[in-house]
Amino acid sequence: MTQNDERLSDAAVVRKLDRAIACAQALRPVGSPCIDICRLDRDRQRCTGCRRTIDEIRAWKSLDDTDKLRILNTLSARC
């Protein structure tokens, strides 16, 4: 993570995530919502950048597009 990423406001992270989700949804195969802010939250349950759980991040490459899209559709609500 860069020093600039640490200074992003929560609103800026949400905007960056929303753009990443839209791009990922448009790709085939479905892309990753990673926004290169790879840090776990305090509970060590979710990434503070892409909002995916550890299990979702681990499984991402092996998931089919339907499952990836299902996850992508829930990420904005996790902010």
C-alpha atoms as a PDB file:
ATOM      1  CA  MET A   1       0.000   0.000   0.000  1.00  0.00           C
ATOM      2  CA  THR A   2       1.261   3.455  -0.793  1.00  0.00           C
ATOM      3  CA  GLN A   3       1.302   6.410   1.554  1.00  0.00           C
ATOM      4  CA  ASN A   4      -1.385   8.080  -0.587  1.00  0.00           C
ATOM      5  CA  ASP A   5      -3.742   5.144  -0.043  1.00  0.00           C
ATOM      6  CA  GLU A   6      -3.430   5.580   3.715  1.00  0.00           C
ATOM      7  CA  ARG A   7      -4.657   9.161   3.360  1.00  0.00           C
ATOM      8  CA  LEU A   8      -7.775   8.328   1.345  1.00  0.00           C
ATOM      9  CA  SER A   9     -10.977   9.218   3.118  1.00  0.00           C
ATOM     10  CA  ASP A  10     -13.633   6.575   3.594  1.00  0.00           C
ATOM     11  CA  ALA A  11     -15.698   8.273   0.884  1.00  0.00           C
ATOM     12  CA  ALA A  12     -12.760   8.157  -1.534  1.00  0.00           C
ATOM     13  CA  VAL A  13     -12.246   4.451  -0.833  1.00  0.00           C
ATOM     14  CA  VAL A  14     -15.946   3.796  -1.486  1.00  0.00           C
ATOM     15  CA  ARG A  15     -15.780   5.702  -4.796  1.00  0.00           C
ATOM     16  CA  LYS A  16     -12.652   3.788  -5.806  1.00  0.00           C
ATOM     17  CA  LEU A  17     -14.322   0.491  -4.850  1.00  0.00           C
ATOM     18  CA  ASP A  18     -17.493   1.353  -6.769  1.00  0.00           C
ATOM     19  CA  ARG A  19     -15.417   1.995  -9.918  1.00  0.00           C
ATOM     20  CA  ALA A  20     -13.498  -1.258  -9.418  1.00  0.00           C
ATOM     21  CA  ILE A  21     -16.739  -3.212  -8.963  1.00  0.00           C
ATOM     22  CA  ALA A  22     -18.210  -1.761 -12.161  1.00  0.00           C
ATOM     23  CA  CYS A  23     -15.071  -2.631 -14.115  1.00  0.00           C
ATOM     24  CA  ALA A  24     -14.895  -6.143 -12.635  1.00  0.00           C
ATOM     25  CA  GLN A  25     -18.562  -6.800 -13.488  1.00  0.00           C
ATOM     26  CA  ALA A  26     -17.994  -5.804 -17.117  1.00  0.00           C
ATOM     27  CA  LEU A  27     -15.122  -8.236 -17.668  1.00  0.00           C
ATOM     28  CA  ARG A  28     -15.427 -11.848 -18.800  1.00  0.00           C
ATOM     29  CA  PRO A  29     -14.234 -13.711 -16.902  1.00  0.00           C
ATOM     30  CA  VAL A  30     -15.378 -11.459 -14.075  1.00  0.00           C
ATOM     31  CA  GLY A  31     -12.497  -9.428 -12.652  1.00  0.00           C
ATOM     32  CA  SER A  32     -11.334  -8.772  -9.139  1.00  0.00           C
ATOM     33  CA  PRO A  33     -12.600  -5.785  -7.121  1.00  0.00           C
ATOM     34  CA  CYS A  34      -9.153  -5.309  -5.542  1.00  0.00           C
ATOM     35  CA  ILE A  35      -8.211  -1.627  -5.257  1.00  0.00           C
ATOM     36  CA  ASP A  36      -4.700  -2.224  -3.855  1.00  0.00           C
ATOM     37  CA  ILE A  37      -5.615  -1.218  -0.314  1.00  0.00           C
ATOM     38  CA  CYS A  38      -5.007  -4.644   1.156  1.00  0.00           C
ATOM     39  CA  ARG A  39      -5.518  -4.434   4.893  1.00  0.00           C
ATOM     40  CA  LEU A  40      -7.729  -6.385   7.243  1.00  0.00           C
ATOM     41  CA  ASP A  41     -10.258  -4.610   9.427  1.00  0.00           C
ATOM     42  CA  ARG A  42      -9.916  -4.665  13.216  1.00  0.00           C
ATOM     43  CA  ASP A  43     -11.825  -7.935  13.477  1.00  0.00           C
ATOM     44  CA  ARG A  44      -9.601  -9.463  10.765  1.00  0.00           C
ATOM     45  CA  GLN A  45     -12.733 -10.456   8.871  1.00  0.00           C
ATOM     46  CA  ARG A  46     -12.685  -8.231   5.761  1.00  0.00           C
ATOM     47  CA  CYS A  47     -10.299  -6.306   3.578  1.00  0.00           C
ATOM     48  CA  THR A  48     -10.697  -2.562   4.174  1.00  0.00           C
ATOM     49  CA  GLY A  49     -10.155  -1.921   0.466  1.00  0.00           C
ATOM     50  CA  CYS A  50     -12.326  -4.353  -1.480  1.00  0.00           C
ATOM     51  CA  ARG A  51     -14.503  -5.407   1.492  1.00  0.00           C
ATOM     52  CA  ARG A  52     -14.221  -9.106   0.636  1.00  0.00           C
ATOM     53  CA  THR A  53     -13.844 -11.648   3.412  1.00  0.00           C
ATOM     54  CA  ILE A  54     -10.657 -13.648   3.722  1.00  0.00           C
ATOM     55  CA  ASP A  55     -12.481 -16.739   2.432  1.00  0.00           C
ATOM     56  CA  GLU A  56     -13.807 -14.809  -0.588  1.00  0.00           C
ATOM     57  CA  ILE A  57     -10.328 -13.514  -1.416  1.00  0.00           C
ATOM     58  CA  ARG A  58      -8.808 -16.990  -1.139  1.00  0.00           C
ATOM     59  CA  ALA A  59     -11.514 -18.597  -3.290  1.00  0.00           C
ATOM     60  CA  TRP A  60     -11.769 -15.814  -5.910  1.00  0.00           C
ATOM     61  CA  LYS A  61      -9.675 -17.463  -8.646  1.00  0.00           C
ATOM     62  CA  SER A  62     -11.608 -20.719  -8.407  1.00  0.00           C
ATOM     63  CA  LEU A  63     -15.112 -19.180  -8.293  1.00  0.00           C
ATOM     64  CA  ASP A  64     -17.282 -19.140 -11.393  1.00  0.00           C
ATOM     65  CA  ASP A  65     -18.604 -15.854 -12.776  1.00  0.00           C
ATOM     66  CA  THR A  66     -22.026 -16.334 -11.162  1.00  0.00           C
ATOM     67  CA  ASP A  67     -20.498 -16.584  -7.691  1.00  0.00           C
ATOM     68  CA  LYS A  68     -18.129 -13.672  -8.345  1.00  0.00           C
ATOM     69  CA  LEU A  69     -21.028 -11.488  -9.503  1.00  0.00           C
ATOM     70  CA  ARG A  70     -23.042 -12.459  -6.422  1.00  0.00           C
ATOM     71  CA  ILE A  71     -20.184 -11.311  -4.195  1.00  0.00           C
ATOM     72  CA  LEU A  72     -19.599  -8.128  -6.211  1.00  0.00           C
ATOM     73  CA  ASN A  73     -23.274  -7.223  -5.822  1.00  0.00           C
ATOM     74  CA  THR A  74     -22.914  -7.282  -2.015  1.00  0.00           C
ATOM     75  CA  LEU A  75     -19.669  -5.324  -1.617  1.00  0.00           C
ATOM     76  CA  SER A  76     -21.023  -1.764  -1.756  1.00  0.00           C
ATOM     77  CA  ALA A  77     -23.484  -2.570   1.038  1.00  0.00           C
ATOM     78  CA  ARG A  78     -20.577  -3.662   3.236  1.00  0.00           C
ATOM     79  CA  CYS A  79     -19.085  -0.139   3.333  1.00  0.00           C
END
